[in-house]
Amino acid sequence: MFFLQMSGFPGSGKSTLSREIARRLDVIIVDHDVTKTALLESTSQHPLDPVLAGKIAYDIDWALVEFHLSFGRNVILDSPCLYDVMIDRGLMIAANNGATYRYIECLIDDIDEINRRLQERERKLSQISSVSPEDFQRTVAASKKPPFMHTLTIDTNRPLETYLPDAIAYLQAID
């Protein structure tokens, strides 16, 4: 059993890769954008601060991750990984449930490609529609990785078929 924590800038391909992994390996996806969007939509009559909605959504995400792991299911948390607490909590929940912790970073360094993807996707209420070069660089630099662990960084500017086998092999590797 594994817990996979995705990381990467919005539009970098985390959800695309997560869905394909889930199709092939029978994995449950906990998608932060789905959770946060549901909160924002449910409070549309009395708008919830987006920052607060994000924090509440993460609490719900973690509860779902832990719930599914407790039943022996493989789980992916599809979310940018921008805070140390994300790594700490992911490692703790995986250890508490006997799951192998995995971390995949989806990386694209082309701001024009990121903005194209952001503008062409079916956007949820919680998702951005574009990004400035400054915000992009700042966010990528702030991304967190687990210390002292083997992680997988994928150039998702390539076609999915070229890196999906590497992701599957990484998840199936025995430590």
C-alpha atoms as a PDB file:
ATOM      1  CA  MET A   1       0.000   0.000   0.000  1.00  0.00           C
ATOM      2  CA  PHE A   2       1.254   3.486  -0.802  1.00  0.00           C
ATOM      3  CA  PHE A   3       0.397   7.108  -0.201  1.00  0.00           C
ATOM      4  CA  LEU A   4       1.458   9.360  -3.073  1.00  0.00           C
ATOM      5  CA  GLN A   5       1.811  13.055  -2.475  1.00  0.00           C
ATOM      6  CA  MET A   6       1.790  15.006  -5.726  1.00  0.00           C
ATOM      7  CA  SER A   7       3.574  18.322  -6.085  1.00  0.00           C
ATOM      8  CA  GLY A   8       3.828  20.936  -8.785  1.00  0.00           C
ATOM      9  CA  PHE A   9       2.521  24.257  -9.988  1.00  0.00           C
ATOM     10  CA  PRO A  10      -1.129  24.459 -11.079  1.00  0.00           C
ATOM     11  CA  GLY A  11      -1.296  23.312 -14.690  1.00  0.00           C
ATOM     12  CA  SER A  12       1.847  21.199 -14.428  1.00  0.00           C
ATOM     13  CA  GLY A  13      -0.027  17.933 -14.988  1.00  0.00           C
ATOM     14  CA  LYS A  14      -0.570  16.606 -11.451  1.00  0.00           C
ATOM     15  CA  SER A  15      -4.228  15.776 -12.016  1.00  0.00           C
ATOM     16  CA  THR A  16      -3.628  14.269 -15.441  1.00  0.00           C
ATOM     17  CA  LEU A  17      -0.910  12.002 -14.059  1.00  0.00           C
ATOM     18  CA  SER A  18      -2.936  11.177 -10.926  1.00  0.00           C
ATOM     19  CA  ARG A  19      -5.943  10.090 -12.966  1.00  0.00           C
ATOM     20  CA  GLU A  20      -3.879   7.860 -15.215  1.00  0.00           C
ATOM     21  CA  ILE A  21      -2.099   6.257 -12.252  1.00  0.00           C
ATOM     22  CA  ALA A  22      -5.489   5.683 -10.589  1.00  0.00           C
ATOM     23  CA  ARG A  23      -6.834   4.011 -13.726  1.00  0.00           C
ATOM     24  CA  ARG A  24      -3.908   1.623 -13.918  1.00  0.00           C
ATOM     25  CA  LEU A  25      -3.259   0.857 -10.249  1.00  0.00           C
ATOM     26  CA  ASP A  26      -6.661   1.066  -8.546  1.00  0.00           C
ATOM     27  CA  VAL A  27      -5.877   4.143  -6.484  1.00  0.00           C
ATOM     28  CA  ILE A  28      -8.176   6.609  -4.749  1.00  0.00           C
ATOM     29  CA  ILE A  29      -7.504  10.263  -5.552  1.00  0.00           C
ATOM     30  CA  VAL A  30      -8.146  12.992  -3.011  1.00  0.00           C
ATOM     31  CA  ASP A  31      -8.179  16.151  -5.144  1.00  0.00           C
ATOM     32  CA  HIS A  32      -7.690  19.392  -3.214  1.00  0.00           C
ATOM     33  CA  ASP A  33      -9.349  21.448  -5.965  1.00  0.00           C
ATOM     34  CA  VAL A  34     -12.504  19.342  -5.724  1.00  0.00           C
ATOM     35  CA  THR A  35     -12.658  19.776  -1.942  1.00  0.00           C
ATOM     36  CA  LYS A  36     -11.913  23.511  -1.959  1.00  0.00           C
ATOM     37  CA  THR A  37     -14.308  24.178  -4.839  1.00  0.00           C
ATOM     38  CA  ALA A  38     -17.096  22.318  -3.024  1.00  0.00           C
ATOM     39  CA  LEU A  39     -16.532  24.505   0.035  1.00  0.00           C
ATOM     40  CA  LEU A  40     -16.514  27.698  -2.007  1.00  0.00           C
ATOM     41  CA  GLU A  41     -19.640  26.699  -3.930  1.00  0.00           C
ATOM     42  CA  SER A  42     -21.522  25.618  -0.815  1.00  0.00           C
ATOM     43  CA  THR A  43     -20.908  28.979   0.813  1.00  0.00           C
ATOM     44  CA  SER A  44     -21.680  31.116  -2.225  1.00  0.00           C
ATOM     45  CA  GLN A  45     -24.621  32.771  -0.427  1.00  0.00           C
ATOM     46  CA  HIS A  46     -22.273  33.688   2.443  1.00  0.00           C
ATOM     47  CA  PRO A  47     -18.825  33.725   0.800  1.00  0.00           C
ATOM     48  CA  LEU A  48     -16.032  32.007   2.649  1.00  0.00           C
ATOM     49  CA  ASP A  49     -12.583  33.611   2.573  1.00  0.00           C
ATOM     50  CA  PRO A  50     -10.577  31.617  -0.030  1.00  0.00           C
ATOM     51  CA  VAL A  51      -7.584  31.274   2.316  1.00  0.00           C
ATOM     52  CA  LEU A  52      -9.810  29.883   5.073  1.00  0.00           C
ATOM     53  CA  ALA A  53     -11.539  27.621   2.535  1.00  0.00           C
ATOM     54  CA  GLY A  54      -8.122  26.290   1.518  1.00  0.00           C
ATOM     55  CA  LYS A  55      -7.203  25.481   5.122  1.00  0.00           C
ATOM     56  CA  ILE A  56     -10.525  23.771   5.799  1.00  0.00           C
ATOM     57  CA  ALA A  57     -10.243  21.869   2.504  1.00  0.00           C
ATOM     58  CA  TYR A  58      -6.819  20.542   3.523  1.00  0.00           C
ATOM     59  CA  ASP A  59      -8.255  19.316   6.839  1.00  0.00           C
ATOM     60  CA  ILE A  60     -10.941  17.463   4.871  1.00  0.00           C
ATOM     61  CA  ASP A  61      -8.350  16.152   2.386  1.00  0.00           C
ATOM     62  CA  TRP A  62      -6.187  14.731   5.178  1.00  0.00           C
ATOM     63  CA  ALA A  63      -9.192  13.123   6.862  1.00  0.00           C
ATOM     64  CA  LEU A  64     -10.089  11.421   3.567  1.00  0.00           C
ATOM     65  CA  VAL A  65      -6.500  10.297   2.956  1.00  0.00           C
ATOM     66  CA  GLU A  66      -6.315   8.754   6.416  1.00  0.00           C
ATOM     67  CA  PHE A  67      -9.759   7.149   6.093  1.00  0.00           C
ATOM     68  CA  HIS A  68      -8.912   5.412   2.819  1.00  0.00           C
ATOM     69  CA  LEU A  69      -5.449   4.341   3.970  1.00  0.00           C
ATOM     70  CA  SER A  70      -7.030   2.822   7.095  1.00  0.00           C
ATOM     71  CA  PHE A  71      -8.893   0.447   4.746  1.00  0.00           C
ATOM     72  CA  GLY A  72      -5.664  -0.573   3.021  1.00  0.00           C
ATOM     73  CA  ARG A  73      -6.280   1.466  -0.121  1.00  0.00           C
ATOM     74  CA  ASN A  74      -3.604   3.223  -2.172  1.00  0.00           C
ATOM     75  CA  VAL A  75      -4.193   6.976  -2.079  1.00  0.00           C
ATOM     76  CA  ILE A  76      -2.989   9.991  -4.060  1.00  0.00           C
ATOM     77  CA  LEU A  77      -3.243  13.519  -2.661  1.00  0.00           C
ATOM     78  CA  ASP A  78      -3.487  15.743  -5.736  1.00  0.00           C
ATOM     79  CA  SER A  79      -2.376  19.147  -4.511  1.00  0.00           C
ATOM     80  CA  PRO A  80       0.533  21.568  -4.818  1.00  0.00           C
ATOM     81  CA  CYS A  81       2.968  20.890  -2.010  1.00  0.00           C
ATOM     82  CA  LEU A  82       3.920  24.370  -0.835  1.00  0.00           C
ATOM     83  CA  TYR A  83       4.179  24.039   2.937  1.00  0.00           C
ATOM     84  CA  ASP A  84       6.455  22.010   5.214  1.00  0.00           C
ATOM     85  CA  VAL A  85       3.388  20.878   7.148  1.00  0.00           C
ATOM     86  CA  MET A  86       2.185  19.099   3.987  1.00  0.00           C
ATOM     87  CA  ILE A  87       5.276  16.900   3.944  1.00  0.00           C
ATOM     88  CA  ASP A  88       5.237  16.347   7.714  1.00  0.00           C
ATOM     89  CA  ARG A  89       1.570  15.373   7.757  1.00  0.00           C
ATOM     90  CA  GLY A  90       1.891  13.142   4.701  1.00  0.00           C
ATOM     91  CA  LEU A  91       4.852  11.272   6.187  1.00  0.00           C
ATOM     92  CA  MET A  92       3.070  10.886   9.537  1.00  0.00           C
ATOM     93  CA  ILE A  93      -0.211   9.643   8.059  1.00  0.00           C
ATOM     94  CA  ALA A  94       1.595   7.172   5.787  1.00  0.00           C
ATOM     95  CA  ALA A  95       3.639   5.815   8.725  1.00  0.00           C
ATOM     96  CA  ASN A  96       0.595   5.603  11.031  1.00  0.00           C
ATOM     97  CA  ASN A  97      -1.253   3.526   8.430  1.00  0.00           C
ATOM     98  CA  GLY A  98       1.612   1.269   7.321  1.00  0.00           C
ATOM     99  CA  ALA A  99       1.747   2.837   3.860  1.00  0.00           C
ATOM    100  CA  THR A 100       4.855   3.496   1.805  1.00  0.00           C
ATOM    101  CA  TYR A 101       5.255   7.240   1.302  1.00  0.00           C
ATOM    102  CA  ARG A 102       5.869   8.393  -2.261  1.00  0.00           C
ATOM    103  CA  TYR A 103       6.324  11.877  -3.708  1.00  0.00           C
ATOM    104  CA  ILE A 104       6.124  12.908  -7.359  1.00  0.00           C
ATOM    105  CA  GLU A 105       6.856  16.446  -8.488  1.00  0.00           C
ATOM    106  CA  CYS A 106       5.441  17.513 -11.852  1.00  0.00           C
ATOM    107  CA  LEU A 107       7.724  20.176 -13.255  1.00  0.00           C
ATOM    108  CA  ILE A 108       7.369  22.541 -16.191  1.00  0.00           C
ATOM    109  CA  ASP A 109       9.666  25.530 -16.504  1.00  0.00           C
ATOM    110  CA  ASP A 110       7.791  27.127 -19.437  1.00  0.00           C
ATOM    111  CA  ILE A 111       5.468  29.883 -18.158  1.00  0.00           C
ATOM    112  CA  ASP A 112       3.777  30.173 -21.561  1.00  0.00           C
ATOM    113  CA  GLU A 113       2.886  26.457 -21.521  1.00  0.00           C
ATOM    114  CA  ILE A 114       1.601  26.739 -17.944  1.00  0.00           C
ATOM    115  CA  ASN A 115      -0.624  29.690 -18.866  1.00  0.00           C
ATOM    116  CA  ARG A 116      -1.869  27.877 -21.984  1.00  0.00           C
ATOM    117  CA  ARG A 117      -2.851  24.884 -19.876  1.00  0.00           C
ATOM    118  CA  LEU A 118      -4.475  27.047 -17.201  1.00  0.00           C
ATOM    119  CA  GLN A 119      -6.564  28.869 -19.790  1.00  0.00           C
ATOM    120  CA  GLU A 120      -7.579  25.758 -21.763  1.00  0.00           C
ATOM    121  CA  ARG A 121      -8.655  23.516 -18.892  1.00  0.00           C
ATOM    122  CA  GLU A 122     -12.142  23.321 -17.495  1.00  0.00           C
ATOM    123  CA  ARG A 123     -11.479  25.550 -14.498  1.00  0.00           C
ATOM    124  CA  LYS A 124     -12.911  24.875 -11.057  1.00  0.00           C
ATOM    125  CA  LEU A 125     -13.820  27.785  -8.783  1.00  0.00           C
ATOM    126  CA  SER A 126     -10.703  27.190  -6.680  1.00  0.00           C
ATOM    127  CA  GLN A 127      -8.287  27.206  -9.633  1.00  0.00           C
ATOM    128  CA  ILE A 128      -6.301  30.075 -11.118  1.00  0.00           C
ATOM    129  CA  SER A 129      -6.698  31.047 -14.767  1.00  0.00           C
ATOM    130  CA  SER A 130      -3.221  32.512 -15.337  1.00  0.00           C
ATOM    131  CA  VAL A 131       0.004  33.386 -13.550  1.00  0.00           C
ATOM    132  CA  SER A 132       2.668  36.075 -13.840  1.00  0.00           C
ATOM    133  CA  PRO A 133       6.296  35.044 -14.357  1.00  0.00           C
ATOM    134  CA  GLU A 134       7.181  36.453 -10.912  1.00  0.00           C
ATOM    135  CA  ASP A 135       4.453  34.497  -9.104  1.00  0.00           C
ATOM    136  CA  PHE A 136       5.358  31.368 -11.047  1.00  0.00           C
ATOM    137  CA  GLN A 137       9.047  31.566 -10.079  1.00  0.00           C
ATOM    138  CA  ARG A 138       8.246  32.400  -6.445  1.00  0.00           C
ATOM    139  CA  THR A 139       5.814  29.492  -6.125  1.00  0.00           C
ATOM    140  CA  VAL A 140       8.121  26.962  -7.793  1.00  0.00           C
ATOM    141  CA  ALA A 141      10.976  28.072  -5.516  1.00  0.00           C
ATOM    142  CA  ALA A 142       8.727  27.647  -2.444  1.00  0.00           C
ATOM    143  CA  SER A 143       7.737  24.076  -3.331  1.00  0.00           C
ATOM    144  CA  LYS A 144       8.574  21.581  -0.589  1.00  0.00           C
ATOM    145  CA  LYS A 145      10.176  18.153  -0.874  1.00  0.00           C
ATOM    146  CA  PRO A 146      10.605  15.491   1.766  1.00  0.00           C
ATOM    147  CA  PRO A 147      14.157  15.500   3.166  1.00  0.00           C
ATOM    148  CA  PHE A 148      16.426  12.509   2.780  1.00  0.00           C
ATOM    149  CA  MET A 149      14.024  10.527   0.624  1.00  0.00           C
ATOM    150  CA  HIS A 150      13.980   9.264  -2.907  1.00  0.00           C
ATOM    151  CA  THR A 151      11.449  11.343  -4.805  1.00  0.00           C
ATOM    152  CA  LEU A 152      10.545  11.441  -8.472  1.00  0.00           C
ATOM    153  CA  THR A 153      10.640  14.649 -10.490  1.00  0.00           C
ATOM    154  CA  ILE A 154       9.026  14.456 -13.906  1.00  0.00           C
ATOM    155  CA  ASP A 155       9.300  16.892 -16.804  1.00  0.00           C
ATOM    156  CA  THR A 156       5.592  17.047 -17.628  1.00  0.00           C
ATOM    157  CA  ASN A 157       6.168  19.211 -20.674  1.00  0.00           C
ATOM    158  CA  ARG A 158       6.581  15.885 -22.473  1.00  0.00           C
ATOM    159  CA  PRO A 159       3.674  13.645 -23.526  1.00  0.00           C
ATOM    160  CA  LEU A 160       2.127  11.624 -20.685  1.00  0.00           C
ATOM    161  CA  GLU A 161       3.009   8.303 -22.347  1.00  0.00           C
ATOM    162  CA  THR A 162       6.735   9.125 -22.080  1.00  0.00           C
ATOM    163  CA  TYR A 163       6.799   9.518 -18.282  1.00  0.00           C
ATOM    164  CA  LEU A 164       3.853   7.424 -17.061  1.00  0.00           C
ATOM    165  CA  PRO A 165       5.947   4.196 -17.039  1.00  0.00           C
ATOM    166  CA  ASP A 166       8.525   5.894 -14.782  1.00  0.00           C
ATOM    167  CA  ALA A 167       5.788   6.984 -12.362  1.00  0.00           C
ATOM    168  CA  ILE A 168       4.262   3.484 -12.259  1.00  0.00           C
ATOM    169  CA  ALA A 169       7.693   1.872 -11.700  1.00  0.00           C
ATOM    170  CA  TYR A 170       8.468   4.351  -8.913  1.00  0.00           C
ATOM    171  CA  LEU A 171       5.186   3.526  -7.150  1.00  0.00           C
ATOM    172  CA  GLN A 172       5.671  -0.221  -7.483  1.00  0.00           C
ATOM    173  CA  ALA A 173       9.321  -0.236  -6.364  1.00  0.00           C
ATOM    174  CA  ILE A 174      10.023  -2.128  -3.154  1.00  0.00           C
ATOM    175  CA  ASP A 175      12.036  -0.232  -0.582  1.00  0.00           C
END
